């Protein structure tokens, strides 16, 4: 019974709405406008308000996404600009060193290897075609990076000073103290150090002194910075002292290098940081 009553009520409501719509259609235009305004201000007002809020939310979300995209773009551009500026500075330093060198040399880009050998073995973008040979010294504007181990047609494999096989003769700038520089056992992968060994116990090297290659052995020419003395590592009374060195070059930061093609030519005075 209630369902039949509800159905009749719906039908009656439909008929009433239909009659009202027909009456509205037949009414004069001024009356139609007044009726439409009254409906919008009463029955449809909540729905129109919800629609307006939805449009504002959609517009605000779109603007927010645009602002976020612009911010991310600006941040990425700033990072790229900073990287390019730093790389440009390093390239200028390499070119300046190249201009001061009297020995034949070639410039190359460092292609860092990933994996367990990262930081110990590097790949550079110059090889046999550019005149690079095994055992050629590899420099940066700050000092000695390493030595060429293997040469290919247009690239070469370099072992950095962090490699366990690295050794070179070293001396103080005034030539009063000599020794052997090699990777230090102390330190970790993030902060590797060098150490100067074989210094007679009677001789002292002041903290902060820059050590240079001594030129013995025919591999590294004289005058390339190796690092600065940090202090005494060990000492054997009456025999020798060992010193820790802060390396002049960090292999992970090298981007452009110079490969010497004449390792026998001394480089005294070629490095600006050299005292």
C-alpha atoms as a PDB file:
ATOM      1  CA  UNK A   1       0.000   0.000   0.000  1.00  0.00           C
ATOM      2  CA  UNK A   2       2.799   2.397   0.887  1.00  0.00           C
ATOM      3  CA  UNK A   3       4.700   1.581  -2.297  1.00  0.00           C
ATOM      4  CA  UNK A   4       1.604   2.374  -4.406  1.00  0.00           C
ATOM      5  CA  UNK A   5       1.154   5.663  -2.509  1.00  0.00           C
ATOM      6  CA  UNK A   6       4.808   6.560  -3.092  1.00  0.00           C
ATOM      7  CA  UNK A   7       4.511   5.789  -6.799  1.00  0.00           C
ATOM      8  CA  UNK A   8       1.407   7.991  -7.103  1.00  0.00           C
ATOM      9  CA  UNK A   9       3.157  10.753  -5.205  1.00  0.00           C
ATOM     10  CA  UNK A  10       6.113  10.645  -7.560  1.00  0.00           C
ATOM     11  CA  UNK A  11       3.801  10.733 -10.547  1.00  0.00           C
ATOM     12  CA  UNK A  12       1.920  13.687  -9.112  1.00  0.00           C
ATOM     13  CA  UNK A  13       5.181  15.513  -8.444  1.00  0.00           C
ATOM     14  CA  UNK A  14       6.286  14.859 -12.008  1.00  0.00           C
ATOM     15  CA  UNK A  15       2.999  16.179 -13.399  1.00  0.00           C
ATOM     16  CA  UNK A  16       3.229  19.301 -11.233  1.00  0.00           C
ATOM     17  CA  UNK A  17       6.803  19.982 -12.376  1.00  0.00           C
ATOM     18  CA  UNK A  18       5.763  19.446 -15.977  1.00  0.00           C
ATOM     19  CA  UNK A  19       2.883  21.913 -15.640  1.00  0.00           C
ATOM     20  CA  UNK A  20       5.126  24.459 -13.947  1.00  0.00           C
ATOM     21  CA  UNK A  21       7.706  24.148 -16.701  1.00  0.00           C
ATOM     22  CA  UNK A  22       5.048  24.595 -19.371  1.00  0.00           C
ATOM     23  CA  UNK A  23       3.715  27.622 -17.524  1.00  0.00           C
ATOM     24  CA  UNK A  24       7.202  29.034 -17.239  1.00  0.00           C
ATOM     25  CA  UNK A  25       7.776  28.512 -20.934  1.00  0.00           C
ATOM     26  CA  UNK A  26       4.531  30.303 -21.740  1.00  0.00           C
ATOM     27  CA  UNK A  27       5.192  33.198 -19.328  1.00  0.00           C
ATOM     28  CA  UNK A  28       6.673  36.471 -20.584  1.00  0.00           C
ATOM     29  CA  UNK A  29      10.464  36.785 -20.742  1.00  0.00           C
ATOM     30  CA  UNK A  30      10.626  39.183 -17.790  1.00  0.00           C
ATOM     31  CA  UNK A  31       8.704  36.748 -15.620  1.00  0.00           C
ATOM     32  CA  UNK A  32      10.938  33.842 -16.766  1.00  0.00           C
ATOM     33  CA  UNK A  33      14.026  35.770 -15.701  1.00  0.00           C
ATOM     34  CA  UNK A  34      12.486  36.576 -12.306  1.00  0.00           C
ATOM     35  CA  UNK A  35      11.511  32.949 -11.744  1.00  0.00           C
ATOM     36  CA  UNK A  36      14.982  31.694 -12.772  1.00  0.00           C
ATOM     37  CA  UNK A  37      16.622  34.194 -10.425  1.00  0.00           C
ATOM     38  CA  UNK A  38      14.397  33.104  -7.555  1.00  0.00           C
ATOM     39  CA  UNK A  39      15.181  29.418  -8.159  1.00  0.00           C
ATOM     40  CA  UNK A  40      18.939  30.088  -8.316  1.00  0.00           C
ATOM     41  CA  UNK A  41      18.776  32.083  -5.091  1.00  0.00           C
ATOM     42  CA  UNK A  42      16.826  29.459  -3.161  1.00  0.00           C
ATOM     43  CA  UNK A  43      16.704  25.840  -4.318  1.00  0.00           C
ATOM     44  CA  UNK A  44      19.863  25.812  -6.452  1.00  0.00           C
ATOM     45  CA  UNK A  45      21.964  28.059  -4.185  1.00  0.00           C
ATOM     46  CA  UNK A  46      23.681  25.206  -2.245  1.00  0.00           C
ATOM     47  CA  UNK A  47      24.445  23.289  -5.436  1.00  0.00           C
ATOM     48  CA  UNK A  48      25.818  26.384  -7.170  1.00  0.00           C
ATOM     49  CA  UNK A  49      28.014  27.101  -4.130  1.00  0.00           C
ATOM     50  CA  UNK A  50      29.392  23.540  -4.189  1.00  0.00           C
ATOM     51  CA  UNK A  51      30.122  23.847  -7.907  1.00  0.00           C
ATOM     52  CA  UNK A  52      31.957  27.127  -7.329  1.00  0.00           C
ATOM     53  CA  UNK A  53      34.057  25.594  -4.553  1.00  0.00           C
ATOM     54  CA  UNK A  54      34.897  22.616  -6.757  1.00  0.00           C
ATOM     55  CA  UNK A  55      36.041  24.927  -9.550  1.00  0.00           C
ATOM     56  CA  UNK A  56      38.179  26.925  -7.109  1.00  0.00           C
ATOM     57  CA  UNK A  57      39.749  23.723  -5.752  1.00  0.00           C
ATOM     58  CA  UNK A  58      40.499  22.461  -9.237  1.00  0.00           C
ATOM     59  CA  UNK A  59      42.011  25.805 -10.250  1.00  0.00           C
ATOM     60  CA  UNK A  60      44.081  26.027  -7.041  1.00  0.00           C
ATOM     61  CA  UNK A  61      45.392  22.483  -7.504  1.00  0.00           C
ATOM     62  CA  UNK A  62      46.376  23.243 -11.081  1.00  0.00           C
ATOM     63  CA  UNK A  63      48.188  26.405  -9.994  1.00  0.00           C
ATOM     64  CA  UNK A  64      49.904  24.511  -7.168  1.00  0.00           C
ATOM     65  CA  UNK A  65      51.159  21.864  -9.594  1.00  0.00           C
ATOM     66  CA  UNK A  66      52.460  24.588 -11.905  1.00  0.00           C
ATOM     67  CA  UNK A  67      54.266  26.329  -9.032  1.00  0.00           C
ATOM     68  CA  UNK A  68      55.816  23.044  -7.854  1.00  0.00           C
ATOM     69  CA  UNK A  69      56.968  22.249 -11.387  1.00  0.00           C
ATOM     70  CA  UNK A  70      58.500  25.725 -11.757  1.00  0.00           C
ATOM     71  CA  UNK A  71      60.247  25.399  -8.367  1.00  0.00           C
ATOM     72  CA  UNK A  72      61.671  21.986  -9.264  1.00  0.00           C
ATOM     73  CA  UNK A  73      62.834  23.334 -12.617  1.00  0.00           C
ATOM     74  CA  UNK A  74      64.564  26.293 -10.974  1.00  0.00           C
ATOM     75  CA  UNK A  75      66.231  24.014  -8.389  1.00  0.00           C
ATOM     76  CA  UNK A  76      67.461  21.647 -11.098  1.00  0.00           C
ATOM     77  CA  UNK A  77      68.770  24.566 -13.152  1.00  0.00           C
ATOM     78  CA  UNK A  78      70.600  25.944 -10.105  1.00  0.00           C
ATOM     79  CA  UNK A  79      72.232  22.558  -9.479  1.00  0.00           C
ATOM     80  CA  UNK A  80      73.304  22.271 -13.118  1.00  0.00           C
ATOM     81  CA  UNK A  81      74.687  25.807 -13.127  1.00  0.00           C
ATOM     82  CA  UNK A  82      76.687  25.144  -9.948  1.00  0.00           C
ATOM     83  CA  UNK A  83      78.091  21.916 -11.410  1.00  0.00           C
ATOM     84  CA  UNK A  84      78.992  23.602 -14.693  1.00  0.00           C
ATOM     85  CA  UNK A  85      80.622  26.502 -12.841  1.00  0.00           C
ATOM     86  CA  UNK A  86      82.748  24.125 -10.749  1.00  0.00           C
ATOM     87  CA  UNK A  87      83.711  22.085 -13.806  1.00  0.00           C
ATOM     88  CA  UNK A  88      84.578  25.292 -15.665  1.00  0.00           C
ATOM     89  CA  UNK A  89      86.884  26.363 -12.817  1.00  0.00           C
ATOM     90  CA  UNK A  90      88.677  23.009 -12.858  1.00  0.00           C
ATOM     91  CA  UNK A  91      89.016  23.117 -16.627  1.00  0.00           C
ATOM     92  CA  UNK A  92      90.491  26.622 -16.446  1.00  0.00           C
ATOM     93  CA  UNK A  93      92.970  25.443 -13.811  1.00  0.00           C
ATOM     94  CA  UNK A  94      93.981  22.519 -16.026  1.00  0.00           C
ATOM     95  CA  UNK A  95      94.447  24.832 -19.007  1.00  0.00           C
ATOM     96  CA  UNK A  96      96.516  27.227 -16.886  1.00  0.00           C
ATOM     97  CA  UNK A  97      98.795  24.373 -15.769  1.00  0.00           C
ATOM     98  CA  UNK A  98      99.050  23.185 -19.357  1.00  0.00           C
ATOM     99  CA  UNK A  99     100.316  26.616 -20.345  1.00  0.00           C
ATOM    100  CA  UNK A 100     103.049  26.515 -17.675  1.00  0.00           C
ATOM    101  CA  UNK A 101     104.364  23.069 -18.558  1.00  0.00           C
ATOM    102  CA  UNK A 102     107.468  22.878 -20.733  1.00  0.00           C
ATOM    103  CA  UNK A 103     107.231  19.097 -21.283  1.00  0.00           C
ATOM    104  CA  UNK A 104     105.062  17.613 -24.027  1.00  0.00           C
ATOM    105  CA  UNK A 105     101.664  16.559 -22.714  1.00  0.00           C
ATOM    106  CA  UNK A 106      98.031  15.908 -23.583  1.00  0.00           C
ATOM    107  CA  UNK A 107      94.863  16.797 -21.705  1.00  0.00           C
ATOM    108  CA  UNK A 108      92.101  14.277 -21.047  1.00  0.00           C
ATOM    109  CA  UNK A 109      88.806  13.838 -19.262  1.00  0.00           C
ATOM    110  CA  UNK A 110      88.467  11.431 -16.357  1.00  0.00           C
ATOM    111  CA  UNK A 111      85.813   8.730 -16.698  1.00  0.00           C
ATOM    112  CA  UNK A 112      85.332   7.420 -13.161  1.00  0.00           C
ATOM    113  CA  UNK A 113      84.741   3.719 -12.864  1.00  0.00           C
ATOM    114  CA  UNK A 114      82.006   2.409 -10.623  1.00  0.00           C
ATOM    115  CA  UNK A 115      82.304  -0.693  -8.519  1.00  0.00           C
ATOM    116  CA  UNK A 116      84.985  -2.027  -6.165  1.00  0.00           C
ATOM    117  CA  UNK A 117      87.822  -0.387  -8.128  1.00  0.00           C
ATOM    118  CA  UNK A 118      86.314   3.116  -7.949  1.00  0.00           C
ATOM    119  CA  UNK A 119      88.910   5.617  -6.707  1.00  0.00           C
ATOM    120  CA  UNK A 120      91.808   3.184  -7.245  1.00  0.00           C
ATOM    121  CA  UNK A 121      91.675   2.682 -11.002  1.00  0.00           C
ATOM    122  CA  UNK A 122      90.410   5.382 -13.367  1.00  0.00           C
ATOM    123  CA  UNK A 123      89.788   5.619 -17.098  1.00  0.00           C
ATOM    124  CA  UNK A 124      90.880   8.700 -19.046  1.00  0.00           C
ATOM    125  CA  UNK A 125      89.830   9.785 -22.528  1.00  0.00           C
ATOM    126  CA  UNK A 126      93.294   9.750 -24.148  1.00  0.00           C
ATOM    127  CA  UNK A 127      95.248   6.768 -25.381  1.00  0.00           C
ATOM    128  CA  UNK A 128      97.738   5.443 -27.873  1.00  0.00           C
ATOM    129  CA  UNK A 129      96.445   7.665 -30.677  1.00  0.00           C
ATOM    130  CA  UNK A 130      97.170  10.763 -28.551  1.00  0.00           C
ATOM    131  CA  UNK A 131     100.709   9.603 -27.731  1.00  0.00           C
ATOM    132  CA  UNK A 132     100.013   8.180 -24.250  1.00  0.00           C
ATOM    133  CA  UNK A 133     102.294   5.323 -23.158  1.00  0.00           C
ATOM    134  CA  UNK A 134     102.365   3.054 -20.097  1.00  0.00           C
ATOM    135  CA  UNK A 135     103.968   4.586 -16.988  1.00  0.00           C
ATOM    136  CA  UNK A 136     103.122   8.114 -18.136  1.00  0.00           C
ATOM    137  CA  UNK A 137     102.491  10.413 -15.111  1.00  0.00           C
ATOM    138  CA  UNK A 138      98.953  11.784 -14.746  1.00  0.00           C
ATOM    139  CA  UNK A 139      98.579  15.234 -13.157  1.00  0.00           C
ATOM    140  CA  UNK A 140      95.906  17.648 -12.021  1.00  0.00           C
ATOM    141  CA  UNK A 141      96.397  21.360 -11.256  1.00  0.00           C
ATOM    142  CA  UNK A 142      96.819  20.387  -7.579  1.00  0.00           C
ATOM    143  CA  UNK A 143      99.469  17.698  -8.034  1.00  0.00           C
ATOM    144  CA  UNK A 144     100.053  14.047  -8.874  1.00  0.00           C
ATOM    145  CA  UNK A 145      97.013  11.856  -9.488  1.00  0.00           C
ATOM    146  CA  UNK A 146      98.664   8.622 -10.581  1.00  0.00           C
ATOM    147  CA  UNK A 147     100.317   6.794 -13.471  1.00  0.00           C
ATOM    148  CA  UNK A 148      99.111   5.123 -16.664  1.00  0.00           C
ATOM    149  CA  UNK A 149      98.999   1.347 -16.399  1.00  0.00           C
ATOM    150  CA  UNK A 150      97.334   0.191 -19.658  1.00  0.00           C
ATOM    151  CA  UNK A 151      96.900   2.042 -22.950  1.00  0.00           C
ATOM    152  CA  UNK A 152      94.153   1.537 -25.526  1.00  0.00           C
ATOM    153  CA  UNK A 153      93.571   3.345 -28.807  1.00  0.00           C
ATOM    154  CA  UNK A 154      91.663   6.345 -27.426  1.00  0.00           C
ATOM    155  CA  UNK A 155      91.694   5.798 -23.685  1.00  0.00           C
ATOM    156  CA  UNK A 156      93.979   4.609 -20.916  1.00  0.00           C
ATOM    157  CA  UNK A 157      93.704   2.916 -17.529  1.00  0.00           C
ATOM    158  CA  UNK A 158      95.285   4.886 -14.681  1.00  0.00           C
ATOM    159  CA  UNK A 159      96.121   3.720 -11.174  1.00  0.00           C
ATOM    160  CA  UNK A 160      95.670   6.562  -8.686  1.00  0.00           C
ATOM    161  CA  UNK A 161      97.932   7.176  -5.696  1.00  0.00           C
ATOM    162  CA  UNK A 162      95.306   5.392  -3.576  1.00  0.00           C
ATOM    163  CA  UNK A 163      96.233   2.096  -5.258  1.00  0.00           C
ATOM    164  CA  UNK A 164      98.332  -0.259  -3.078  1.00  0.00           C
ATOM    165  CA  UNK A 165     100.959  -0.544  -5.852  1.00  0.00           C
ATOM    166  CA  UNK A 166     101.634   3.218  -5.921  1.00  0.00           C
ATOM    167  CA  UNK A 167     105.143   4.377  -4.876  1.00  0.00           C
ATOM    168  CA  UNK A 168     107.219   7.435  -5.671  1.00  0.00           C
ATOM    169  CA  UNK A 169     110.369   9.100  -4.392  1.00  0.00           C
ATOM    170  CA  UNK A 170     109.724  12.397  -2.621  1.00  0.00           C
ATOM    171  CA  UNK A 171     111.575  15.360  -1.197  1.00  0.00           C
ATOM    172  CA  UNK A 172     111.016  18.607   0.639  1.00  0.00           C
ATOM    173  CA  UNK A 173     111.053  21.772  -1.507  1.00  0.00           C
ATOM    174  CA  UNK A 174     114.582  22.688  -0.331  1.00  0.00           C
ATOM    175  CA  UNK A 175     115.885  19.179  -1.095  1.00  0.00           C
ATOM    176  CA  UNK A 176     117.077  18.577   2.461  1.00  0.00           C
ATOM    177  CA  UNK A 177     114.916  15.504   3.172  1.00  0.00           C
ATOM    178  CA  UNK A 178     114.134  12.559   0.902  1.00  0.00           C
ATOM    179  CA  UNK A 179     111.919   9.518   1.291  1.00  0.00           C
ATOM    180  CA  UNK A 180     109.306   7.266  -0.306  1.00  0.00           C
ATOM    181  CA  UNK A 181     105.623   8.216  -0.502  1.00  0.00           C
ATOM    182  CA  UNK A 182     102.966   5.498  -0.580  1.00  0.00           C
ATOM    183  CA  UNK A 183      99.301   5.042   0.459  1.00  0.00           C
ATOM    184  CA  UNK A 184      98.922   5.050   4.230  1.00  0.00           C
ATOM    185  CA  UNK A 185      97.460   2.091   6.065  1.00  0.00           C
ATOM    186  CA  UNK A 186      95.568   4.487   8.347  1.00  0.00           C
ATOM    187  CA  UNK A 187      92.337   6.131   7.220  1.00  0.00           C
ATOM    188  CA  UNK A 188      89.294   4.857   5.403  1.00  0.00           C
ATOM    189  CA  UNK A 189      87.992   4.916   1.844  1.00  0.00           C
ATOM    190  CA  UNK A 190      86.385   8.328   2.365  1.00  0.00           C
ATOM    191  CA  UNK A 191      89.538  10.048   3.712  1.00  0.00           C
ATOM    192  CA  UNK A 192      92.624   8.220   2.383  1.00  0.00           C
ATOM    193  CA  UNK A 193      96.071   9.506   3.363  1.00  0.00           C
ATOM    194  CA  UNK A 194      99.629   9.197   2.111  1.00  0.00           C
ATOM    195  CA  UNK A 195     102.691   8.515   4.209  1.00  0.00           C
ATOM    196  CA  UNK A 196     106.338   9.440   3.821  1.00  0.00           C
ATOM    197  CA  UNK A 197     108.655   6.600   4.851  1.00  0.00           C
ATOM    198  CA  UNK A 198     112.414   6.165   5.033  1.00  0.00           C
ATOM    199  CA  UNK A 199     113.213   9.548   6.622  1.00  0.00           C
ATOM    200  CA  UNK A 200     116.349   9.284   8.807  1.00  0.00           C
ATOM    201  CA  UNK A 201     115.633   9.701  12.500  1.00  0.00           C
ATOM    202  CA  UNK A 202     117.991  12.684  12.739  1.00  0.00           C
ATOM    203  CA  UNK A 203     115.993  14.650  10.140  1.00  0.00           C
ATOM    204  CA  UNK A 204     112.735  16.462  10.851  1.00  0.00           C
ATOM    205  CA  UNK A 205     109.961  17.576   8.480  1.00  0.00           C
ATOM    206  CA  UNK A 206     107.782  20.405   9.784  1.00  0.00           C
ATOM    207  CA  UNK A 207     104.005  20.067   9.813  1.00  0.00           C
ATOM    208  CA  UNK A 208     102.519  21.793   6.755  1.00  0.00           C
ATOM    209  CA  UNK A 209     105.537  21.189   4.524  1.00  0.00           C
ATOM    210  CA  UNK A 210     104.635  20.317   0.939  1.00  0.00           C
ATOM    211  CA  UNK A 211     106.281  17.148  -0.376  1.00  0.00           C
ATOM    212  CA  UNK A 212     107.283  17.018  -4.048  1.00  0.00           C
ATOM    213  CA  UNK A 213     108.302  14.206  -6.347  1.00  0.00           C
ATOM    214  CA  UNK A 214     112.101  13.829  -6.308  1.00  0.00           C
ATOM    215  CA  UNK A 215     112.461  12.624  -9.891  1.00  0.00           C
ATOM    216  CA  UNK A 216     114.271   9.376  -9.072  1.00  0.00           C
ATOM    217  CA  UNK A 217     113.390   6.203 -10.966  1.00  0.00           C
ATOM    218  CA  UNK A 218     112.548   7.741 -14.351  1.00  0.00           C
ATOM    219  CA  UNK A 219     108.744   7.595 -13.944  1.00  0.00           C
ATOM    220  CA  UNK A 220     107.742  10.822 -12.192  1.00  0.00           C
ATOM    221  CA  UNK A 221     109.599  14.056 -12.968  1.00  0.00           C
ATOM    222  CA  UNK A 222     110.852  16.275 -10.149  1.00  0.00           C
ATOM    223  CA  UNK A 223     108.620  19.001  -8.721  1.00  0.00           C
ATOM    224  CA  UNK A 224     105.057  17.561  -8.661  1.00  0.00           C
ATOM    225  CA  UNK A 225     103.179  18.224  -5.373  1.00  0.00           C
ATOM    226  CA  UNK A 226     102.204  15.082  -3.472  1.00  0.00           C
ATOM    227  CA  UNK A 227     100.720  16.441  -0.257  1.00  0.00           C
ATOM    228  CA  UNK A 228     101.305  18.330   2.986  1.00  0.00           C
ATOM    229  CA  UNK A 229     102.755  16.869   6.162  1.00  0.00           C
ATOM    230  CA  UNK A 230     100.185  16.262   8.904  1.00  0.00           C
ATOM    231  CA  UNK A 231     102.532  14.901  11.549  1.00  0.00           C
ATOM    232  CA  UNK A 232     104.618  11.929  12.641  1.00  0.00           C
ATOM    233  CA  UNK A 233     103.006   8.540  12.114  1.00  0.00           C
ATOM    234  CA  UNK A 234     105.646   6.289  13.631  1.00  0.00           C
ATOM    235  CA  UNK A 235     109.277   6.567  14.615  1.00  0.00           C
ATOM    236  CA  UNK A 236     111.998   4.083  15.475  1.00  0.00           C
ATOM    237  CA  UNK A 237     114.555   5.581  17.806  1.00  0.00           C
ATOM    238  CA  UNK A 238     117.880   5.875  16.041  1.00  0.00           C
ATOM    239  CA  UNK A 239     116.543   4.639  12.707  1.00  0.00           C
ATOM    240  CA  UNK A 240     113.758   6.437  10.846  1.00  0.00           C
ATOM    241  CA  UNK A 241     110.516   8.412  10.999  1.00  0.00           C
ATOM    242  CA  UNK A 242     107.297   8.018   9.042  1.00  0.00           C
ATOM    243  CA  UNK A 243     105.008  11.016   8.377  1.00  0.00           C
ATOM    244  CA  UNK A 244     101.351  11.215   7.414  1.00  0.00           C
ATOM    245  CA  UNK A 245     100.519  13.418   4.404  1.00  0.00           C
ATOM    246  CA  UNK A 246      97.318  15.160   3.385  1.00  0.00           C
ATOM    247  CA  UNK A 247      97.115  14.306  -0.352  1.00  0.00           C
ATOM    248  CA  UNK A 248      97.259  17.166  -2.835  1.00  0.00           C
ATOM    249  CA  UNK A 249      94.756  15.418  -5.120  1.00  0.00           C
ATOM    250  CA  UNK A 250      91.579  13.506  -4.327  1.00  0.00           C
ATOM    251  CA  UNK A 251      90.958  11.056  -7.228  1.00  0.00           C
ATOM    252  CA  UNK A 252      87.178  11.165  -6.745  1.00  0.00           C
ATOM    253  CA  UNK A 253      87.191  14.930  -7.463  1.00  0.00           C
ATOM    254  CA  UNK A 254      89.351  14.838 -10.592  1.00  0.00           C
ATOM    255  CA  UNK A 255      87.499  15.674 -13.819  1.00  0.00           C
ATOM    256  CA  UNK A 256      90.263  16.821 -16.199  1.00  0.00           C
ATOM    257  CA  UNK A 257      93.880  15.672 -16.152  1.00  0.00           C
ATOM    258  CA  UNK A 258      97.170  16.172 -17.938  1.00  0.00           C
ATOM    259  CA  UNK A 259      99.244  13.218 -19.112  1.00  0.00           C
ATOM    260  CA  UNK A 260     102.968  13.880 -19.454  1.00  0.00           C
ATOM    261  CA  UNK A 261     104.595  12.509 -22.586  1.00  0.00           C
ATOM    262  CA  UNK A 262     108.104  13.493 -21.407  1.00  0.00           C
ATOM    263  CA  UNK A 263     108.436  12.286 -17.799  1.00  0.00           C
ATOM    264  CA  UNK A 264     112.130  13.182 -17.588  1.00  0.00           C
ATOM    265  CA  UNK A 265     111.557  16.970 -17.814  1.00  0.00           C
ATOM    266  CA  UNK A 266     111.561  18.629 -14.367  1.00  0.00           C
ATOM    267  CA  UNK A 267     108.446  20.596 -13.416  1.00  0.00           C
ATOM    268  CA  UNK A 268     109.960  22.959 -10.842  1.00  0.00           C
ATOM    269  CA  UNK A 269     107.712  26.028 -10.470  1.00  0.00           C
ATOM    270  CA  UNK A 270     104.925  24.754 -12.734  1.00  0.00           C
ATOM    271  CA  UNK A 271     102.412  24.428  -9.877  1.00  0.00           C
ATOM    272  CA  UNK A 272     101.068  27.645  -8.363  1.00  0.00           C
ATOM    273  CA  UNK A 273     100.357  26.009  -4.991  1.00  0.00           C
ATOM    274  CA  UNK A 274     104.003  24.980  -4.683  1.00  0.00           C
ATOM    275  CA  UNK A 275     105.869  27.113  -2.111  1.00  0.00           C
END
